N, C-alpha and C. Protein backbone atom coordinates (compact mmCIF):
# COMPACT_ATOMS: atom_id res chain seq x y z
N MET A 1 0.82 -1.20 0.00
CA MET A 1 0.00 0.00 0.00
C MET A 1 0.86 1.26 0.00
N ASP A 2 2.05 1.18 0.63
CA ASP A 2 2.94 2.35 0.64
C ASP A 2 3.34 2.74 -0.77
N GLU A 3 3.60 1.74 -1.61
CA GLU A 3 3.97 2.01 -3.00
C GLU A 3 2.83 2.73 -3.74
N VAL A 4 1.60 2.32 -3.45
CA VAL A 4 0.43 2.96 -4.07
C VAL A 4 0.31 4.40 -3.60
N ARG A 5 0.48 4.62 -2.31
CA ARG A 5 0.40 5.98 -1.77
C ARG A 5 1.43 6.89 -2.43
N GLU A 6 2.65 6.37 -2.61
CA GLU A 6 3.72 7.17 -3.23
C GLU A 6 3.38 7.57 -4.66
N SER A 7 2.76 6.66 -5.40
CA SER A 7 2.46 6.97 -6.79
C SER A 7 1.09 7.61 -6.98
N LEU A 8 0.26 7.60 -5.94
CA LEU A 8 -1.09 8.15 -6.06
C LEU A 8 -1.13 9.66 -5.89
N TRP A 9 -0.48 10.16 -4.88
CA TRP A 9 -0.64 11.56 -4.54
C TRP A 9 0.36 12.44 -5.29
N ASN A 10 -0.14 13.52 -5.82
CA ASN A 10 0.65 14.49 -6.57
C ASN A 10 1.36 15.42 -5.59
N ASP A 11 2.68 15.33 -5.54
CA ASP A 11 3.46 16.14 -4.60
C ASP A 11 3.41 17.63 -4.94
N ASN A 12 3.04 17.95 -6.17
CA ASN A 12 2.99 19.36 -6.60
C ASN A 12 1.67 20.04 -6.24
N VAL A 13 0.71 19.26 -5.75
CA VAL A 13 -0.60 19.81 -5.38
C VAL A 13 -0.95 19.31 -3.98
N GLY A 14 -1.33 20.22 -3.13
CA GLY A 14 -1.71 19.86 -1.77
C GLY A 14 -2.85 20.72 -1.28
N LYS A 15 -3.19 20.54 -0.02
CA LYS A 15 -4.29 21.31 0.57
C LYS A 15 -4.08 22.81 0.43
N SER A 16 -2.83 23.25 0.50
CA SER A 16 -2.54 24.69 0.44
C SER A 16 -2.82 25.28 -0.95
N ASP A 17 -2.95 24.45 -1.96
CA ASP A 17 -3.25 24.93 -3.31
C ASP A 17 -4.75 25.17 -3.52
N TYR A 18 -5.54 24.85 -2.53
CA TYR A 18 -6.99 25.05 -2.62
C TYR A 18 -7.39 26.19 -1.69
N GLU A 19 -8.53 26.76 -1.98
CA GLU A 19 -9.04 27.89 -1.17
C GLU A 19 -9.27 27.48 0.28
N SER A 20 -9.67 26.22 0.44
CA SER A 20 -9.95 25.74 1.80
C SER A 20 -9.74 24.24 1.86
N THR A 21 -9.73 23.73 3.08
CA THR A 21 -9.64 22.28 3.26
C THR A 21 -10.86 21.61 2.66
N ALA A 22 -12.00 22.27 2.77
CA ALA A 22 -13.24 21.72 2.20
C ALA A 22 -13.13 21.58 0.68
N ALA A 23 -12.52 22.55 0.02
CA ALA A 23 -12.34 22.48 -1.43
C ALA A 23 -11.40 21.33 -1.80
N TYR A 24 -10.35 21.15 -0.99
CA TYR A 24 -9.42 20.05 -1.22
C TYR A 24 -10.14 18.71 -1.05
N GLN A 25 -10.90 18.57 0.03
CA GLN A 25 -11.65 17.34 0.29
C GLN A 25 -12.66 17.08 -0.83
N ALA A 26 -13.27 18.13 -1.34
CA ALA A 26 -14.22 17.97 -2.45
C ALA A 26 -13.51 17.44 -3.69
N ALA A 27 -12.30 17.92 -3.94
CA ALA A 27 -11.52 17.43 -5.08
C ALA A 27 -11.17 15.95 -4.91
N VAL A 28 -10.76 15.58 -3.69
CA VAL A 28 -10.45 14.18 -3.42
C VAL A 28 -11.70 13.32 -3.61
N LEU A 29 -12.83 13.80 -3.11
CA LEU A 29 -14.09 13.06 -3.24
C LEU A 29 -14.47 12.89 -4.71
N GLU A 30 -14.30 13.92 -5.52
CA GLU A 30 -14.62 13.83 -6.95
C GLU A 30 -13.73 12.80 -7.64
N GLN A 31 -12.45 12.80 -7.30
CA GLN A 31 -11.55 11.80 -7.89
C GLN A 31 -11.93 10.39 -7.43
N TYR A 32 -12.32 10.28 -6.17
CA TYR A 32 -12.77 9.00 -5.64
C TYR A 32 -14.00 8.51 -6.42
N LYS A 33 -14.97 9.40 -6.61
CA LYS A 33 -16.17 9.04 -7.36
C LYS A 33 -15.82 8.58 -8.77
N LEU A 34 -14.88 9.27 -9.39
CA LEU A 34 -14.45 8.91 -10.74
C LEU A 34 -13.81 7.52 -10.75
N CYS A 35 -12.97 7.24 -9.78
CA CYS A 35 -12.33 5.92 -9.70
C CYS A 35 -13.35 4.81 -9.49
N VAL A 36 -14.33 5.04 -8.61
CA VAL A 36 -15.36 4.04 -8.38
C VAL A 36 -16.19 3.83 -9.65
N GLU A 37 -16.51 4.91 -10.34
CA GLU A 37 -17.26 4.81 -11.60
C GLU A 37 -16.47 4.03 -12.65
N MET A 38 -15.17 4.29 -12.75
CA MET A 38 -14.34 3.58 -13.73
C MET A 38 -14.24 2.09 -13.37
N ALA A 39 -14.17 1.76 -12.11
CA ALA A 39 -14.16 0.35 -11.70
C ALA A 39 -15.47 -0.31 -12.09
N ASP A 40 -16.56 0.41 -11.92
CA ASP A 40 -17.87 -0.11 -12.30
C ASP A 40 -17.94 -0.31 -13.82
N ARG A 41 -17.38 0.59 -14.58
CA ARG A 41 -17.37 0.46 -16.04
C ARG A 41 -16.54 -0.74 -16.49
N VAL A 42 -15.43 -0.97 -15.84
CA VAL A 42 -14.61 -2.15 -16.17
C VAL A 42 -15.42 -3.41 -15.90
N SER A 43 -16.15 -3.43 -14.79
CA SER A 43 -16.99 -4.59 -14.48
C SER A 43 -18.08 -4.77 -15.53
N ALA A 44 -18.65 -3.68 -16.00
CA ALA A 44 -19.68 -3.76 -17.05
C ALA A 44 -19.08 -4.30 -18.35
N ARG A 45 -17.88 -3.84 -18.70
CA ARG A 45 -17.21 -4.35 -19.90
C ARG A 45 -16.88 -5.83 -19.75
N ARG A 46 -16.48 -6.23 -18.55
CA ARG A 46 -16.20 -7.64 -18.29
C ARG A 46 -17.46 -8.47 -18.47
N ASN A 47 -18.57 -7.98 -17.96
CA ASN A 47 -19.84 -8.70 -18.12
C ASN A 47 -20.24 -8.81 -19.58
N LEU A 48 -20.04 -7.74 -20.34
CA LEU A 48 -20.35 -7.75 -21.77
C LEU A 48 -19.47 -8.76 -22.50
N SER A 49 -18.20 -8.79 -22.15
CA SER A 49 -17.28 -9.75 -22.75
C SER A 49 -17.70 -11.18 -22.43
N ASN A 50 -18.04 -11.43 -21.17
CA ASN A 50 -18.50 -12.77 -20.79
C ASN A 50 -19.76 -13.16 -21.53
N THR A 51 -20.67 -12.22 -21.70
CA THR A 51 -21.91 -12.49 -22.44
C THR A 51 -21.59 -12.87 -23.88
N PHE A 52 -20.66 -12.15 -24.50
CA PHE A 52 -20.26 -12.46 -25.87
C PHE A 52 -19.72 -13.89 -25.97
N PHE A 53 -18.74 -14.22 -25.11
CA PHE A 53 -18.13 -15.54 -25.18
C PHE A 53 -19.11 -16.65 -24.81
N LEU A 54 -19.96 -16.40 -23.84
CA LEU A 54 -20.94 -17.41 -23.45
C LEU A 54 -21.94 -17.65 -24.59
N THR A 55 -22.35 -16.59 -25.26
CA THR A 55 -23.26 -16.73 -26.40
C THR A 55 -22.57 -17.48 -27.54
N LEU A 56 -21.32 -17.10 -27.83
CA LEU A 56 -20.56 -17.76 -28.88
C LEU A 56 -20.43 -19.26 -28.61
N HIS A 57 -20.02 -19.61 -27.40
CA HIS A 57 -19.82 -21.03 -27.09
C HIS A 57 -21.13 -21.77 -26.94
N GLY A 58 -22.17 -21.09 -26.52
CA GLY A 58 -23.49 -21.71 -26.51
C GLY A 58 -23.94 -22.07 -27.92
N ALA A 59 -23.68 -21.17 -28.87
CA ALA A 59 -24.02 -21.44 -30.27
C ALA A 59 -23.18 -22.58 -30.82
N ILE A 60 -21.89 -22.62 -30.47
CA ILE A 60 -21.01 -23.70 -30.93
C ILE A 60 -21.49 -25.05 -30.39
N VAL A 61 -21.79 -25.09 -29.10
CA VAL A 61 -22.26 -26.34 -28.49
C VAL A 61 -23.57 -26.78 -29.13
N THR A 62 -24.48 -25.85 -29.35
CA THR A 62 -25.75 -26.17 -29.99
C THR A 62 -25.53 -26.72 -31.39
N PHE A 63 -24.67 -26.06 -32.16
CA PHE A 63 -24.36 -26.52 -33.51
C PHE A 63 -23.77 -27.92 -33.49
N LEU A 64 -22.78 -28.12 -32.62
CA LEU A 64 -22.13 -29.42 -32.56
C LEU A 64 -23.10 -30.52 -32.11
N ALA A 65 -23.95 -30.21 -31.16
CA ALA A 65 -24.90 -31.21 -30.66
C ALA A 65 -25.89 -31.63 -31.75
N THR A 66 -26.30 -30.68 -32.57
CA THR A 66 -27.28 -31.02 -33.61
C THR A 66 -26.63 -31.63 -34.84
N ARG A 67 -25.37 -31.34 -35.07
CA ARG A 67 -24.67 -31.80 -36.27
C ARG A 67 -23.69 -32.94 -36.00
N LEU A 68 -23.60 -33.41 -34.78
CA LEU A 68 -22.59 -34.42 -34.42
C LEU A 68 -22.64 -35.67 -35.31
N PRO A 69 -23.80 -36.24 -35.59
CA PRO A 69 -23.79 -37.44 -36.45
C PRO A 69 -23.17 -37.17 -37.83
N ASP A 70 -23.50 -36.04 -38.43
CA ASP A 70 -22.94 -35.71 -39.75
C ASP A 70 -21.45 -35.45 -39.66
N ILE A 71 -21.01 -34.79 -38.61
CA ILE A 71 -19.59 -34.49 -38.43
C ILE A 71 -18.80 -35.78 -38.27
N ARG A 72 -19.32 -36.67 -37.47
CA ARG A 72 -18.62 -37.94 -37.19
C ARG A 72 -18.46 -38.77 -38.47
N ASP A 73 -19.47 -38.81 -39.29
CA ASP A 73 -19.45 -39.67 -40.48
C ASP A 73 -18.69 -39.07 -41.65
N ASN A 74 -18.61 -37.74 -41.75
CA ASN A 74 -18.08 -37.11 -42.95
C ASN A 74 -16.74 -36.42 -42.81
N LEU A 75 -16.22 -36.29 -41.62
CA LEU A 75 -14.96 -35.56 -41.45
C LEU A 75 -13.90 -36.43 -40.81
N SER A 76 -12.69 -36.19 -41.22
CA SER A 76 -11.56 -36.92 -40.65
C SER A 76 -10.99 -36.14 -39.47
N VAL A 77 -10.13 -36.81 -38.72
CA VAL A 77 -9.47 -36.17 -37.58
C VAL A 77 -8.68 -34.95 -38.07
N GLY A 78 -8.06 -35.07 -39.23
CA GLY A 78 -7.28 -33.97 -39.79
C GLY A 78 -8.09 -32.72 -40.05
N LEU A 79 -9.37 -32.89 -40.32
CA LEU A 79 -10.23 -31.73 -40.53
C LEU A 79 -10.86 -31.23 -39.23
N LEU A 80 -11.06 -32.14 -38.28
CA LEU A 80 -11.65 -31.74 -37.00
C LEU A 80 -10.64 -31.06 -36.08
N LEU A 81 -9.40 -31.48 -36.14
CA LEU A 81 -8.38 -30.96 -35.23
C LEU A 81 -8.19 -29.45 -35.34
N PRO A 82 -8.09 -28.87 -36.53
CA PRO A 82 -7.96 -27.40 -36.59
C PRO A 82 -9.16 -26.67 -35.97
N GLY A 83 -10.34 -27.22 -36.15
CA GLY A 83 -11.52 -26.62 -35.53
C GLY A 83 -11.44 -26.67 -34.02
N LEU A 84 -10.96 -27.80 -33.49
CA LEU A 84 -10.78 -27.93 -32.05
C LEU A 84 -9.77 -26.90 -31.54
N VAL A 85 -8.67 -26.75 -32.26
CA VAL A 85 -7.64 -25.79 -31.85
C VAL A 85 -8.22 -24.38 -31.82
N ILE A 86 -9.00 -24.02 -32.81
CA ILE A 86 -9.61 -22.68 -32.86
C ILE A 86 -10.58 -22.49 -31.70
N ILE A 87 -11.41 -23.47 -31.47
CA ILE A 87 -12.41 -23.35 -30.40
C ILE A 87 -11.74 -23.28 -29.02
N VAL A 88 -10.76 -24.13 -28.80
CA VAL A 88 -10.05 -24.11 -27.51
C VAL A 88 -9.26 -22.80 -27.36
N SER A 89 -8.76 -22.28 -28.47
CA SER A 89 -8.05 -20.99 -28.44
C SER A 89 -8.98 -19.86 -28.02
N THR A 90 -10.23 -19.90 -28.46
CA THR A 90 -11.17 -18.86 -28.01
C THR A 90 -11.44 -19.00 -26.51
N CYS A 91 -11.43 -20.23 -26.01
CA CYS A 91 -11.57 -20.43 -24.56
C CYS A 91 -10.37 -19.84 -23.82
N ALA A 92 -9.18 -20.03 -24.38
CA ALA A 92 -7.97 -19.47 -23.76
C ALA A 92 -8.01 -17.95 -23.79
N ALA A 93 -8.44 -17.38 -24.91
CA ALA A 93 -8.56 -15.92 -25.01
C ALA A 93 -9.57 -15.40 -24.00
N TRP A 94 -10.67 -16.10 -23.84
CA TRP A 94 -11.70 -15.72 -22.86
C TRP A 94 -11.11 -15.74 -21.46
N TYR A 95 -10.38 -16.79 -21.13
CA TYR A 95 -9.75 -16.91 -19.81
C TYR A 95 -8.80 -15.74 -19.56
N VAL A 96 -7.96 -15.44 -20.54
CA VAL A 96 -6.98 -14.36 -20.39
C VAL A 96 -7.69 -13.02 -20.22
N LEU A 97 -8.76 -12.82 -20.95
CA LEU A 97 -9.52 -11.57 -20.84
C LEU A 97 -10.15 -11.43 -19.46
N VAL A 98 -10.76 -12.49 -18.96
CA VAL A 98 -11.36 -12.46 -17.62
C VAL A 98 -10.28 -12.17 -16.58
N ARG A 99 -9.14 -12.82 -16.72
CA ARG A 99 -8.03 -12.62 -15.77
C ARG A 99 -7.53 -11.17 -15.83
N SER A 100 -7.44 -10.64 -17.03
CA SER A 100 -6.98 -9.26 -17.21
C SER A 100 -7.96 -8.27 -16.56
N TYR A 101 -9.24 -8.48 -16.78
CA TYR A 101 -10.24 -7.61 -16.14
C TYR A 101 -10.16 -7.72 -14.62
N ARG A 102 -9.93 -8.92 -14.13
CA ARG A 102 -9.81 -9.13 -12.68
C ARG A 102 -8.62 -8.35 -12.13
N GLN A 103 -7.49 -8.43 -12.82
CA GLN A 103 -6.29 -7.71 -12.39
C GLN A 103 -6.50 -6.20 -12.45
N LEU A 104 -7.14 -5.74 -13.52
CA LEU A 104 -7.39 -4.31 -13.68
C LEU A 104 -8.29 -3.79 -12.57
N ASN A 105 -9.36 -4.50 -12.29
CA ASN A 105 -10.24 -4.06 -11.21
C ASN A 105 -9.57 -4.19 -9.86
N GLY A 106 -8.74 -5.20 -9.68
CA GLY A 106 -8.00 -5.34 -8.42
C GLY A 106 -7.14 -4.12 -8.16
N ALA A 107 -6.46 -3.65 -9.20
CA ALA A 107 -5.63 -2.44 -9.07
C ALA A 107 -6.50 -1.22 -8.77
N LYS A 108 -7.64 -1.14 -9.43
CA LYS A 108 -8.54 0.00 -9.19
C LYS A 108 -9.03 0.00 -7.74
N PHE A 109 -9.32 -1.18 -7.18
CA PHE A 109 -9.79 -1.25 -5.81
C PHE A 109 -8.70 -0.85 -4.82
N VAL A 110 -7.45 -1.15 -5.13
CA VAL A 110 -6.35 -0.71 -4.26
C VAL A 110 -6.25 0.81 -4.28
N VAL A 111 -6.37 1.42 -5.46
CA VAL A 111 -6.33 2.88 -5.56
C VAL A 111 -7.52 3.49 -4.83
N ILE A 112 -8.69 2.89 -4.99
CA ILE A 112 -9.88 3.39 -4.29
C ILE A 112 -9.64 3.34 -2.77
N GLY A 113 -9.04 2.26 -2.29
CA GLY A 113 -8.72 2.15 -0.86
C GLY A 113 -7.77 3.24 -0.41
N ALA A 114 -6.77 3.55 -1.25
CA ALA A 114 -5.82 4.62 -0.90
C ALA A 114 -6.51 5.98 -0.89
N LEU A 115 -7.43 6.19 -1.81
CA LEU A 115 -8.19 7.45 -1.81
C LEU A 115 -9.07 7.55 -0.57
N GLU A 116 -9.63 6.43 -0.13
CA GLU A 116 -10.48 6.44 1.05
C GLU A 116 -9.72 6.83 2.31
N GLU A 117 -8.40 6.73 2.28
CA GLU A 117 -7.62 7.17 3.44
C GLU A 117 -7.80 8.67 3.69
N ARG A 118 -8.18 9.41 2.68
CA ARG A 118 -8.39 10.85 2.82
C ARG A 118 -9.88 11.20 2.98
N LEU A 119 -10.71 10.18 3.10
CA LEU A 119 -12.15 10.38 3.29
C LEU A 119 -12.54 9.91 4.68
N PRO A 120 -13.72 10.30 5.16
CA PRO A 120 -14.12 9.94 6.53
C PRO A 120 -14.34 8.44 6.76
N ALA A 121 -14.65 7.67 5.71
CA ALA A 121 -14.97 6.25 5.91
C ALA A 121 -14.26 5.38 4.88
N TYR A 122 -14.00 4.15 5.27
CA TYR A 122 -13.46 3.13 4.37
C TYR A 122 -14.60 2.21 3.92
N ALA A 123 -15.69 2.78 3.51
CA ALA A 123 -16.90 2.01 3.22
C ALA A 123 -16.70 0.97 2.13
N TYR A 124 -16.03 1.33 1.09
CA TYR A 124 -15.91 0.46 -0.08
C TYR A 124 -14.76 -0.51 0.05
N SER A 125 -13.60 -0.02 0.42
CA SER A 125 -12.39 -0.84 0.38
C SER A 125 -12.20 -1.74 1.59
N ARG A 126 -12.68 -1.34 2.74
CA ARG A 126 -12.45 -2.16 3.94
C ARG A 126 -13.73 -2.73 4.52
N ALA A 127 -14.70 -1.89 4.82
CA ALA A 127 -15.90 -2.35 5.52
C ALA A 127 -16.64 -3.43 4.72
N GLU A 128 -16.90 -3.15 3.47
CA GLU A 128 -17.63 -4.12 2.64
C GLU A 128 -16.83 -5.42 2.50
N TRP A 129 -15.55 -5.30 2.28
CA TRP A 129 -14.70 -6.47 2.10
C TRP A 129 -14.64 -7.30 3.37
N ARG A 130 -14.60 -6.65 4.53
CA ARG A 130 -14.58 -7.39 5.80
C ARG A 130 -15.91 -8.11 6.04
N ILE A 131 -17.00 -7.45 5.70
CA ILE A 131 -18.31 -8.09 5.85
C ILE A 131 -18.37 -9.37 5.02
N LEU A 132 -17.72 -9.36 3.87
CA LEU A 132 -17.71 -10.52 2.98
C LEU A 132 -16.62 -11.53 3.35
N GLY A 133 -15.95 -11.30 4.45
CA GLY A 133 -14.90 -12.23 4.89
C GLY A 133 -13.66 -12.18 4.04
N GLU A 134 -13.48 -11.08 3.31
CA GLU A 134 -12.32 -10.86 2.45
C GLU A 134 -12.13 -11.96 1.43
N GLY A 135 -13.22 -12.64 1.07
CA GLY A 135 -13.16 -13.67 0.04
C GLY A 135 -12.47 -14.95 0.45
N ARG A 136 -12.22 -15.13 1.74
CA ARG A 136 -11.49 -16.32 2.21
C ARG A 136 -12.38 -17.56 2.36
N ASP A 137 -13.64 -17.35 2.66
CA ASP A 137 -14.57 -18.47 2.87
C ASP A 137 -15.60 -18.45 1.74
N TRP A 138 -15.53 -19.42 0.86
CA TRP A 138 -16.40 -19.44 -0.31
C TRP A 138 -17.87 -19.58 0.05
N ARG A 139 -18.17 -20.10 1.25
CA ARG A 139 -19.57 -20.21 1.67
C ARG A 139 -20.14 -18.84 2.05
N ARG A 140 -19.27 -17.97 2.46
CA ARG A 140 -19.70 -16.62 2.84
C ARG A 140 -19.73 -15.70 1.63
N TYR A 141 -18.71 -15.80 0.79
CA TYR A 141 -18.64 -14.98 -0.42
C TYR A 141 -17.67 -15.62 -1.40
N LEU A 142 -18.15 -15.91 -2.57
CA LEU A 142 -17.31 -16.45 -3.63
C LEU A 142 -17.17 -15.36 -4.69
N PRO A 143 -15.99 -14.77 -4.81
CA PRO A 143 -15.82 -13.70 -5.80
C PRO A 143 -16.19 -14.17 -7.20
N LEU A 144 -16.99 -13.38 -7.87
CA LEU A 144 -17.47 -13.72 -9.21
C LEU A 144 -16.31 -13.92 -10.18
N SER A 145 -15.26 -13.15 -10.02
CA SER A 145 -14.13 -13.27 -10.94
C SER A 145 -13.48 -14.65 -10.86
N HIS A 146 -13.57 -15.33 -9.71
CA HIS A 146 -13.03 -16.68 -9.59
C HIS A 146 -13.89 -17.65 -10.39
N VAL A 147 -15.19 -17.52 -10.28
CA VAL A 147 -16.12 -18.38 -11.00
C VAL A 147 -15.97 -18.14 -12.51
N GLU A 148 -15.84 -16.88 -12.89
CA GLU A 148 -15.70 -16.54 -14.30
C GLU A 148 -14.50 -17.22 -14.93
N GLN A 149 -13.45 -17.41 -14.18
CA GLN A 149 -12.26 -18.04 -14.73
C GLN A 149 -12.44 -19.54 -14.95
N TRP A 150 -13.37 -20.16 -14.25
CA TRP A 150 -13.61 -21.59 -14.44
C TRP A 150 -14.34 -21.88 -15.74
N VAL A 151 -15.25 -21.01 -16.13
CA VAL A 151 -16.15 -21.29 -17.25
C VAL A 151 -15.40 -21.55 -18.56
N PRO A 152 -14.43 -20.73 -18.97
CA PRO A 152 -13.72 -21.05 -20.21
C PRO A 152 -13.00 -22.40 -20.15
N GLY A 153 -12.46 -22.73 -18.99
CA GLY A 153 -11.79 -24.02 -18.82
C GLY A 153 -12.76 -25.18 -18.94
N ILE A 154 -13.94 -25.01 -18.37
CA ILE A 154 -14.96 -26.06 -18.46
C ILE A 154 -15.35 -26.29 -19.92
N PHE A 155 -15.55 -25.21 -20.66
CA PHE A 155 -15.86 -25.35 -22.09
C PHE A 155 -14.72 -26.04 -22.82
N ALA A 156 -13.47 -25.64 -22.56
CA ALA A 156 -12.32 -26.23 -23.25
C ALA A 156 -12.23 -27.73 -22.98
N VAL A 157 -12.40 -28.13 -21.73
CA VAL A 157 -12.36 -29.55 -21.39
C VAL A 157 -13.49 -30.30 -22.09
N ALA A 158 -14.68 -29.71 -22.12
CA ALA A 158 -15.82 -30.34 -22.79
C ALA A 158 -15.55 -30.51 -24.28
N TYR A 159 -14.94 -29.51 -24.90
CA TYR A 159 -14.62 -29.62 -26.33
C TYR A 159 -13.60 -30.73 -26.58
N VAL A 160 -12.57 -30.80 -25.76
CA VAL A 160 -11.54 -31.84 -25.94
C VAL A 160 -12.14 -33.22 -25.72
N LEU A 161 -12.95 -33.38 -24.69
CA LEU A 161 -13.59 -34.68 -24.44
C LEU A 161 -14.55 -35.03 -25.57
N GLY A 162 -15.28 -34.06 -26.07
CA GLY A 162 -16.18 -34.30 -27.21
C GLY A 162 -15.41 -34.70 -28.44
N PHE A 163 -14.29 -34.05 -28.68
CA PHE A 163 -13.43 -34.40 -29.81
C PHE A 163 -12.96 -35.84 -29.69
N LEU A 164 -12.49 -36.20 -28.51
CA LEU A 164 -12.02 -37.57 -28.28
C LEU A 164 -13.13 -38.57 -28.46
N ALA A 165 -14.33 -38.24 -28.03
CA ALA A 165 -15.47 -39.14 -28.18
C ALA A 165 -15.81 -39.34 -29.66
N VAL A 166 -15.66 -38.31 -30.45
CA VAL A 166 -15.97 -38.41 -31.88
C VAL A 166 -14.93 -39.22 -32.62
N VAL A 167 -13.65 -39.01 -32.31
CA VAL A 167 -12.59 -39.66 -33.07
C VAL A 167 -12.24 -41.07 -32.56
N LEU A 168 -12.60 -41.40 -31.35
CA LEU A 168 -12.25 -42.73 -30.83
C LEU A 168 -13.36 -43.73 -31.00
């Protein structure tokens, strides 16, 4: 957190650069609001991305389930393998994207916590997180980003097992 504090605060601007302490606090609050809003937007983009990939893979599974007899009888392993590689690659890209969004929001939450040090309450960064048990007990709170990372892997495993079932 010390490293974040060092890089967060502008040494060239301080309370003395504002008309009053209230004006300085208002500026800090506005920046805090902006950071919380940006974290929310990243979460919205993550949800949109997940919706895209879930829809794509739902369509692929539906297509494969309805066309499996034709695929099995008319295609060789040499033709199926590139398709498997492409489909599993989209699962890998989905996983990396979810992980990237998780890391980005994690950094944003650390900055939000550092900003809260200059506000009267740690409502977002500490109080809420403590109520949720800091994500340590999955029965109390299971972070959505952890679940999101499982889904692409589940699809990838299902595709590989389906491929093996078709070719063996």
